[in-house]
Amino acid sequence: MKKWLEKQAVFNFTLRIFAFFAKRGGFDRLTEKATTQSAQLNILLNKPKPAKDVESLAKTWLELMPPDGQEYFKIEEVTGDTAYTQIHLHCPLRGSGDAHACYKLMNYDRKLMEQVGGQLVVLESQSSSGKPYCRLAIRKAGDAVEDLIPAHQR
């Protein structure tokens, strides 16, 4: 069962379902609950250890993505306090202009990072940036993030 749940095809299918609901305002609570529970299931299945530094956080994020889809998830750069990552899979929200739906959908990744001692901010979203990828910033939990402008607030 674990191997099936971790497949990129299952991830993509689930992403399409969650995106459908994220685009519709009346389903905000459902979207939040579904993405949170999916992240909790991922944590339960993979049992990642809490990360001690930002590079470990980025590597853990990568490890929590589907093993057969690793080419879609990249660590771009790690600075002193921030890891910049990218998601290159084709998001169902791409080009929609709905960065708020993206924010709701990315609750999944934020919850993953919370579970291992980090926090995640979407800096650029496929939904609104015109780029074929999303760009994220990861920092340790408790570190300031006020300098990171989330895509849905631009």
N, C-alpha and C. Protein backbone atom coordinates (compact mmCIF):
# COMPACT_ATOMS: atom_id res chain seq x y z
N MET A 1 0.81 -1.19 0.00
CA MET A 1 0.00 0.00 0.00
C MET A 1 0.87 1.27 0.00
N LYS A 2 1.93 1.26 0.83
CA LYS A 2 2.81 2.43 0.93
C LYS A 2 3.42 2.76 -0.43
N LYS A 3 3.90 1.76 -1.14
CA LYS A 3 4.52 1.98 -2.45
C LYS A 3 3.52 2.58 -3.43
N TRP A 4 2.27 2.14 -3.38
CA TRP A 4 1.25 2.66 -4.27
C TRP A 4 0.95 4.12 -3.93
N LEU A 5 0.81 4.43 -2.64
CA LEU A 5 0.49 5.79 -2.22
C LEU A 5 1.60 6.78 -2.56
N GLU A 6 2.84 6.28 -2.65
CA GLU A 6 3.98 7.16 -2.92
C GLU A 6 4.26 7.36 -4.40
N LYS A 7 3.45 6.82 -5.26
CA LYS A 7 3.69 6.95 -6.70
C LYS A 7 3.35 8.37 -7.18
N GLN A 8 4.14 8.84 -8.14
CA GLN A 8 3.91 10.17 -8.71
C GLN A 8 2.53 10.27 -9.33
N ALA A 9 2.06 9.20 -9.96
CA ALA A 9 0.72 9.22 -10.58
C ALA A 9 -0.36 9.45 -9.52
N VAL A 10 -0.24 8.84 -8.36
CA VAL A 10 -1.20 9.03 -7.28
C VAL A 10 -1.10 10.46 -6.75
N PHE A 11 0.12 10.96 -6.61
CA PHE A 11 0.35 12.34 -6.17
C PHE A 11 -0.33 13.31 -7.14
N ASN A 12 -0.13 13.12 -8.45
CA ASN A 12 -0.72 14.00 -9.46
C ASN A 12 -2.26 13.95 -9.43
N PHE A 13 -2.80 12.74 -9.29
CA PHE A 13 -4.25 12.58 -9.23
C PHE A 13 -4.82 13.32 -8.02
N THR A 14 -4.19 13.13 -6.88
CA THR A 14 -4.62 13.78 -5.64
C THR A 14 -4.50 15.30 -5.78
N LEU A 15 -3.43 15.74 -6.40
CA LEU A 15 -3.22 17.17 -6.63
C LEU A 15 -4.36 17.77 -7.45
N ARG A 16 -4.78 17.06 -8.49
CA ARG A 16 -5.89 17.55 -9.33
C ARG A 16 -7.19 17.65 -8.52
N ILE A 17 -7.45 16.67 -7.69
CA ILE A 17 -8.67 16.70 -6.86
C ILE A 17 -8.62 17.87 -5.88
N PHE A 18 -7.49 18.01 -5.18
CA PHE A 18 -7.35 19.09 -4.21
C PHE A 18 -7.42 20.45 -4.89
N ALA A 19 -6.83 20.57 -6.09
CA ALA A 19 -6.85 21.84 -6.82
C ALA A 19 -8.29 22.21 -7.21
N PHE A 20 -9.07 21.21 -7.60
CA PHE A 20 -10.48 21.45 -7.94
C PHE A 20 -11.19 22.14 -6.79
N PHE A 21 -10.99 21.63 -5.57
CA PHE A 21 -11.64 22.21 -4.40
C PHE A 21 -10.99 23.52 -3.97
N ALA A 22 -9.67 23.64 -4.12
CA ALA A 22 -8.97 24.86 -3.72
C ALA A 22 -9.43 26.07 -4.52
N LYS A 23 -9.85 25.84 -5.77
CA LYS A 23 -10.31 26.93 -6.63
C LYS A 23 -11.71 27.42 -6.27
N ARG A 24 -12.40 26.68 -5.43
CA ARG A 24 -13.77 27.01 -5.08
C ARG A 24 -13.85 27.43 -3.61
N GLY A 25 -14.18 28.68 -3.39
CA GLY A 25 -14.18 29.25 -2.05
C GLY A 25 -15.00 28.51 -1.02
N GLY A 26 -16.07 27.89 -1.42
CA GLY A 26 -16.93 27.19 -0.47
C GLY A 26 -16.32 25.92 0.10
N PHE A 27 -15.16 25.55 -0.40
CA PHE A 27 -14.52 24.30 0.03
C PHE A 27 -13.21 24.54 0.78
N ASP A 28 -13.03 25.74 1.31
CA ASP A 28 -11.77 26.07 1.99
C ASP A 28 -11.47 25.12 3.15
N ARG A 29 -12.47 24.85 3.98
CA ARG A 29 -12.25 23.97 5.14
C ARG A 29 -11.94 22.54 4.70
N LEU A 30 -12.63 22.08 3.66
CA LEU A 30 -12.37 20.74 3.13
C LEU A 30 -10.95 20.66 2.56
N THR A 31 -10.55 21.67 1.82
CA THR A 31 -9.20 21.69 1.24
C THR A 31 -8.14 21.66 2.34
N GLU A 32 -8.35 22.48 3.36
CA GLU A 32 -7.38 22.53 4.46
C GLU A 32 -7.31 21.18 5.18
N LYS A 33 -8.45 20.60 5.44
CA LYS A 33 -8.49 19.31 6.15
C LYS A 33 -7.85 18.20 5.30
N ALA A 34 -8.19 18.16 4.02
CA ALA A 34 -7.66 17.12 3.14
C ALA A 34 -6.14 17.23 2.97
N THR A 35 -5.65 18.46 2.79
CA THR A 35 -4.20 18.62 2.61
C THR A 35 -3.46 18.33 3.91
N THR A 36 -4.05 18.73 5.03
CA THR A 36 -3.43 18.45 6.33
C THR A 36 -3.37 16.95 6.59
N GLN A 37 -4.48 16.25 6.35
CA GLN A 37 -4.49 14.81 6.59
C GLN A 37 -3.57 14.06 5.63
N SER A 38 -3.46 14.52 4.41
CA SER A 38 -2.53 13.89 3.46
C SER A 38 -1.09 14.06 3.92
N ALA A 39 -0.77 15.24 4.42
CA ALA A 39 0.58 15.47 4.94
C ALA A 39 0.84 14.58 6.16
N GLN A 40 -0.16 14.46 7.03
CA GLN A 40 -0.01 13.60 8.21
C GLN A 40 0.21 12.14 7.81
N LEU A 41 -0.50 11.70 6.76
CA LEU A 41 -0.31 10.33 6.27
C LEU A 41 1.11 10.15 5.73
N ASN A 42 1.60 11.12 4.99
CA ASN A 42 2.97 11.06 4.47
C ASN A 42 3.96 10.95 5.63
N ILE A 43 3.79 11.76 6.65
CA ILE A 43 4.68 11.73 7.82
C ILE A 43 4.59 10.37 8.51
N LEU A 44 3.39 9.86 8.67
CA LEU A 44 3.19 8.55 9.31
C LEU A 44 3.88 7.43 8.52
N LEU A 45 3.76 7.47 7.21
CA LEU A 45 4.34 6.43 6.37
C LEU A 45 5.86 6.51 6.28
N ASN A 46 6.40 7.73 6.26
CA ASN A 46 7.84 7.90 6.03
C ASN A 46 8.66 8.17 7.28
N LYS A 47 8.01 8.58 8.35
CA LYS A 47 8.67 8.80 9.64
C LYS A 47 9.98 9.60 9.53
N PRO A 48 9.90 10.80 8.96
CA PRO A 48 11.13 11.61 8.87
C PRO A 48 11.56 12.11 10.24
N LYS A 49 12.85 12.29 10.40
CA LYS A 49 13.38 12.83 11.65
C LYS A 49 13.34 14.36 11.58
N PRO A 50 13.13 15.01 12.71
CA PRO A 50 13.18 16.47 12.71
C PRO A 50 14.55 16.94 12.20
N ALA A 51 14.53 17.95 11.36
CA ALA A 51 15.76 18.46 10.77
C ALA A 51 16.40 19.49 11.70
N LYS A 52 17.72 19.52 11.70
CA LYS A 52 18.44 20.42 12.60
C LYS A 52 18.88 21.71 11.92
N ASP A 53 18.92 21.71 10.60
CA ASP A 53 19.33 22.92 9.88
C ASP A 53 18.52 23.03 8.59
N VAL A 54 18.66 24.16 7.93
CA VAL A 54 17.83 24.44 6.76
C VAL A 54 18.17 23.52 5.58
N GLU A 55 19.41 23.12 5.44
CA GLU A 55 19.76 22.18 4.36
C GLU A 55 19.09 20.83 4.59
N SER A 56 19.08 20.38 5.83
CA SER A 56 18.39 19.12 6.17
C SER A 56 16.89 19.24 5.94
N LEU A 57 16.33 20.39 6.24
CA LEU A 57 14.91 20.61 5.98
C LEU A 57 14.59 20.45 4.50
N ALA A 58 15.41 21.06 3.65
CA ALA A 58 15.19 20.96 2.20
C ALA A 58 15.33 19.52 1.73
N LYS A 59 16.31 18.82 2.23
CA LYS A 59 16.50 17.42 1.83
C LYS A 59 15.34 16.56 2.31
N THR A 60 14.84 16.84 3.50
CA THR A 60 13.69 16.10 4.01
C THR A 60 12.46 16.37 3.15
N TRP A 61 12.23 17.64 2.79
CA TRP A 61 11.11 17.98 1.90
C TRP A 61 11.21 17.16 0.62
N LEU A 62 12.40 17.10 0.06
CA LEU A 62 12.62 16.35 -1.18
C LEU A 62 12.33 14.86 -0.97
N GLU A 63 12.77 14.31 0.14
CA GLU A 63 12.56 12.89 0.44
C GLU A 63 11.09 12.56 0.65
N LEU A 64 10.28 13.54 1.04
CA LEU A 64 8.86 13.31 1.27
C LEU A 64 8.03 13.40 -0.01
N MET A 65 8.66 13.74 -1.11
CA MET A 65 8.00 13.77 -2.40
C MET A 65 8.08 12.38 -3.04
N PRO A 66 7.25 12.08 -4.02
CA PRO A 66 7.22 10.73 -4.60
C PRO A 66 8.59 10.29 -5.13
N PRO A 67 9.03 9.11 -4.73
CA PRO A 67 10.34 8.61 -5.17
C PRO A 67 10.47 8.50 -6.69
N ASP A 68 9.38 8.17 -7.37
CA ASP A 68 9.46 8.01 -8.83
C ASP A 68 9.21 9.33 -9.57
N GLY A 69 9.18 10.44 -8.83
CA GLY A 69 8.98 11.74 -9.46
C GLY A 69 9.99 12.77 -8.99
N GLN A 70 11.12 12.30 -8.49
CA GLN A 70 12.12 13.20 -7.92
C GLN A 70 12.62 14.27 -8.90
N GLU A 71 12.53 13.99 -10.20
CA GLU A 71 13.01 14.98 -11.18
C GLU A 71 12.17 16.25 -11.18
N TYR A 72 10.99 16.21 -10.58
CA TYR A 72 10.11 17.38 -10.55
C TYR A 72 10.39 18.30 -9.36
N PHE A 73 11.17 17.84 -8.41
CA PHE A 73 11.41 18.58 -7.17
C PHE A 73 12.91 18.83 -7.04
N LYS A 74 13.28 20.10 -6.88
CA LYS A 74 14.70 20.44 -6.89
C LYS A 74 15.05 21.39 -5.74
N ILE A 75 16.25 21.20 -5.23
CA ILE A 75 16.81 22.17 -4.30
C ILE A 75 17.65 23.11 -5.16
N GLU A 76 17.23 24.35 -5.21
CA GLU A 76 17.88 25.36 -6.06
C GLU A 76 19.15 25.90 -5.40
N GLU A 77 19.01 26.28 -4.12
CA GLU A 77 20.12 26.94 -3.43
C GLU A 77 19.85 26.92 -1.94
N VAL A 78 20.92 26.83 -1.16
CA VAL A 78 20.80 26.93 0.29
C VAL A 78 21.72 28.06 0.74
N THR A 79 21.13 29.06 1.38
CA THR A 79 21.92 30.17 1.94
C THR A 79 22.04 29.93 3.43
N GLY A 80 22.49 30.92 4.17
CA GLY A 80 22.66 30.74 5.61
C GLY A 80 21.42 30.28 6.34
N ASP A 81 20.26 30.91 6.06
CA ASP A 81 19.06 30.59 6.82
C ASP A 81 17.89 30.13 5.95
N THR A 82 18.10 30.03 4.63
CA THR A 82 17.00 29.72 3.73
C THR A 82 17.41 28.71 2.67
N ALA A 83 16.53 27.75 2.44
CA ALA A 83 16.70 26.83 1.31
C ALA A 83 15.65 27.21 0.28
N TYR A 84 16.08 27.37 -0.95
CA TYR A 84 15.17 27.68 -2.06
C TYR A 84 14.98 26.41 -2.87
N THR A 85 13.73 26.04 -3.07
CA THR A 85 13.42 24.82 -3.81
C THR A 85 12.47 25.15 -4.95
N GLN A 86 12.32 24.19 -5.85
CA GLN A 86 11.43 24.37 -7.00
C GLN A 86 10.61 23.11 -7.22
N ILE A 87 9.39 23.32 -7.71
CA ILE A 87 8.53 22.23 -8.13
C ILE A 87 8.27 22.41 -9.62
N HIS A 88 8.69 21.42 -10.40
CA HIS A 88 8.60 21.52 -11.86
C HIS A 88 7.49 20.68 -12.46
N LEU A 89 6.67 20.03 -11.66
CA LEU A 89 5.58 19.27 -12.26
C LEU A 89 4.49 20.22 -12.73
N HIS A 90 3.69 19.78 -13.66
CA HIS A 90 2.63 20.63 -14.21
C HIS A 90 1.49 20.68 -13.21
N CYS A 91 1.35 21.83 -12.57
CA CYS A 91 0.30 22.02 -11.56
C CYS A 91 -1.03 22.29 -12.26
N PRO A 92 -2.12 21.72 -11.74
CA PRO A 92 -3.44 22.00 -12.32
C PRO A 92 -3.84 23.47 -12.22
N LEU A 93 -3.16 24.25 -11.41
CA LEU A 93 -3.46 25.67 -11.27
C LEU A 93 -2.61 26.54 -12.20
N ARG A 94 -1.71 25.93 -12.95
CA ARG A 94 -0.81 26.69 -13.82
C ARG A 94 -1.59 27.64 -14.73
N GLY A 95 -1.19 28.91 -14.70
CA GLY A 95 -1.78 29.91 -15.56
C GLY A 95 -3.18 30.36 -15.17
N SER A 96 -3.69 29.88 -14.06
CA SER A 96 -5.06 30.22 -13.65
C SER A 96 -5.16 31.63 -13.07
N GLY A 97 -4.04 32.18 -12.63
CA GLY A 97 -4.05 33.48 -11.97
C GLY A 97 -4.54 33.42 -10.54
N ASP A 98 -4.75 32.22 -10.02
CA ASP A 98 -5.34 32.03 -8.69
C ASP A 98 -4.27 31.62 -7.67
N ALA A 99 -3.47 32.58 -7.26
CA ALA A 99 -2.42 32.29 -6.28
C ALA A 99 -3.01 31.96 -4.91
N HIS A 100 -4.24 32.39 -4.65
CA HIS A 100 -4.89 32.04 -3.38
C HIS A 100 -5.24 30.56 -3.34
N ALA A 101 -5.66 30.00 -4.46
CA ALA A 101 -5.90 28.55 -4.52
C ALA A 101 -4.58 27.81 -4.32
N CYS A 102 -3.51 28.33 -4.89
CA CYS A 102 -2.20 27.72 -4.69
C CYS A 102 -1.83 27.72 -3.22
N TYR A 103 -2.07 28.84 -2.55
CA TYR A 103 -1.77 28.92 -1.12
C TYR A 103 -2.51 27.81 -0.36
N LYS A 104 -3.79 27.64 -0.69
CA LYS A 104 -4.58 26.59 -0.03
C LYS A 104 -4.03 25.21 -0.33
N LEU A 105 -3.66 24.98 -1.56
CA LEU A 105 -3.14 23.68 -1.99
C LEU A 105 -1.79 23.38 -1.34
N MET A 106 -0.96 24.40 -1.20
CA MET A 106 0.39 24.21 -0.63
C MET A 106 0.38 24.06 0.88
N ASN A 107 -0.81 24.05 1.48
CA ASN A 107 -0.92 23.72 2.89
C ASN A 107 -0.26 22.36 3.14
N TYR A 108 -0.36 21.46 2.17
CA TYR A 108 0.26 20.14 2.27
C TYR A 108 1.75 20.27 2.57
N ASP A 109 2.46 21.04 1.78
CA ASP A 109 3.90 21.20 1.96
C ASP A 109 4.23 21.95 3.25
N ARG A 110 3.42 22.95 3.58
CA ARG A 110 3.65 23.67 4.83
C ARG A 110 3.51 22.73 6.03
N LYS A 111 2.50 21.87 5.99
CA LYS A 111 2.29 20.91 7.09
C LYS A 111 3.44 19.91 7.17
N LEU A 112 3.94 19.47 6.03
CA LEU A 112 5.10 18.57 6.04
C LEU A 112 6.27 19.23 6.76
N MET A 113 6.55 20.47 6.40
CA MET A 113 7.68 21.18 7.00
C MET A 113 7.47 21.43 8.48
N GLU A 114 6.25 21.76 8.88
CA GLU A 114 5.97 21.96 10.30
C GLU A 114 6.30 20.72 11.11
N GLN A 115 6.01 19.55 10.55
CA GLN A 115 6.23 18.29 11.25
C GLN A 115 7.71 17.96 11.46
N VAL A 116 8.59 18.58 10.67
CA VAL A 116 10.02 18.28 10.80
C VAL A 116 10.82 19.48 11.28
N GLY A 117 10.11 20.53 11.76
CA GLY A 117 10.81 21.66 12.35
C GLY A 117 11.08 22.81 11.41
N GLY A 118 10.28 22.92 10.37
CA GLY A 118 10.50 24.01 9.40
C GLY A 118 9.24 24.77 9.09
N GLN A 119 9.41 25.73 8.20
CA GLN A 119 8.29 26.50 7.67
C GLN A 119 8.57 26.76 6.20
N LEU A 120 7.52 26.86 5.42
CA LEU A 120 7.64 26.96 3.97
C LEU A 120 6.80 28.12 3.46
N VAL A 121 7.37 28.88 2.52
CA VAL A 121 6.66 30.00 1.89
C VAL A 121 6.78 29.82 0.38
N VAL A 122 5.65 29.92 -0.32
CA VAL A 122 5.65 29.89 -1.78
C VAL A 122 5.98 31.30 -2.27
N LEU A 123 7.12 31.44 -2.93
CA LEU A 123 7.55 32.75 -3.43
C LEU A 123 7.01 33.04 -4.82
N GLU A 124 7.00 32.02 -5.66
CA GLU A 124 6.49 32.15 -7.03
C GLU A 124 5.63 30.94 -7.32
N SER A 125 4.43 31.19 -7.82
CA SER A 125 3.48 30.13 -8.10
C SER A 125 3.24 30.01 -9.60
N GLN A 126 3.19 28.78 -10.09
CA GLN A 126 2.84 28.54 -11.49
C GLN A 126 1.49 29.17 -11.84
N SER A 127 0.66 29.32 -10.84
CA SER A 127 -0.67 29.86 -11.09
C SER A 127 -0.63 31.29 -11.60
N SER A 128 0.39 32.04 -11.19
CA SER A 128 0.39 33.47 -11.52
C SER A 128 1.71 34.02 -12.04
N SER A 129 2.78 33.26 -11.97
CA SER A 129 4.10 33.80 -12.34
C SER A 129 4.40 33.74 -13.83
N GLY A 130 3.68 32.88 -14.55
CA GLY A 130 3.99 32.68 -15.97
C GLY A 130 5.13 31.70 -16.18
N LYS A 131 5.68 31.18 -15.09
CA LYS A 131 6.78 30.22 -15.17
C LYS A 131 6.23 28.80 -15.06
N PRO A 132 6.96 27.83 -15.61
CA PRO A 132 6.51 26.44 -15.55
C PRO A 132 6.93 25.71 -14.27
N TYR A 133 7.20 26.46 -13.22
CA TYR A 133 7.57 25.86 -11.95
C TYR A 133 7.19 26.82 -10.82
N CYS A 134 7.18 26.26 -9.61
CA CYS A 134 6.95 27.05 -8.41
C CYS A 134 8.28 27.18 -7.68
N ARG A 135 8.46 28.28 -7.00
CA ARG A 135 9.69 28.51 -6.23
C ARG A 135 9.29 28.71 -4.78
N LEU A 136 9.94 27.95 -3.89
CA LEU A 136 9.60 27.94 -2.48
C LEU A 136 10.81 28.33 -1.64
N ALA A 137 10.55 28.84 -0.45
CA ALA A 137 11.60 29.10 0.53
C ALA A 137 11.28 28.29 1.78
N ILE A 138 12.32 27.68 2.33
CA ILE A 138 12.17 26.89 3.55
C ILE A 138 13.11 27.46 4.60
N ARG A 139 12.58 27.66 5.79
CA ARG A 139 13.39 28.11 6.93
C ARG A 139 13.03 27.27 8.15
N LYS A 140 13.89 27.34 9.15
CA LYS A 140 13.62 26.65 10.40
C LYS A 140 12.42 27.29 11.08
N ALA A 141 11.65 26.48 11.78
CA ALA A 141 10.50 26.98 12.53
C ALA A 141 10.97 28.03 13.52
N GLY A 142 10.23 29.11 13.60
CA GLY A 142 10.57 30.18 14.53
C GLY A 142 11.44 31.27 13.93
N ASP A 143 12.12 30.98 12.82
CA ASP A 143 12.92 32.01 12.17
C ASP A 143 11.99 33.03 11.50
N ALA A 144 12.43 34.25 11.43
CA ALA A 144 11.63 35.31 10.80
C ALA A 144 11.43 35.02 9.32
N VAL A 145 10.24 35.30 8.81
CA VAL A 145 9.94 35.12 7.38
C VAL A 145 9.34 36.39 6.78
N GLU A 146 9.36 37.48 7.53
CA GLU A 146 8.73 38.71 7.05
C GLU A 146 9.35 39.23 5.76
N ASP A 147 10.60 38.89 5.49
CA ASP A 147 11.27 39.34 4.27
C ASP A 147 10.88 38.51 3.05
N LEU A 148 10.18 37.41 3.26
CA LEU A 148 9.75 36.55 2.16
C LEU A 148 8.31 36.92 1.80
N ILE A 149 8.12 37.39 0.58
CA ILE A 149 6.78 37.81 0.16
C ILE A 149 6.08 36.63 -0.51
N PRO A 150 5.03 36.09 0.10
CA PRO A 150 4.32 34.95 -0.48
C PRO A 150 3.65 35.32 -1.81
N ALA A 151 3.60 34.38 -2.71
CA ALA A 151 3.02 34.61 -4.05
C ALA A 151 1.58 35.09 -3.97
N HIS A 152 0.82 34.60 -3.01
CA HIS A 152 -0.59 34.99 -2.92
C HIS A 152 -0.80 36.40 -2.35
N GLN A 153 0.29 37.04 -1.90
CA GLN A 153 0.18 38.41 -1.38
C GLN A 153 0.77 39.44 -2.34
N ARG A 154 1.17 39.02 -3.49
CA ARG A 154 1.75 39.95 -4.49
C ARG A 154 0.67 40.65 -5.25
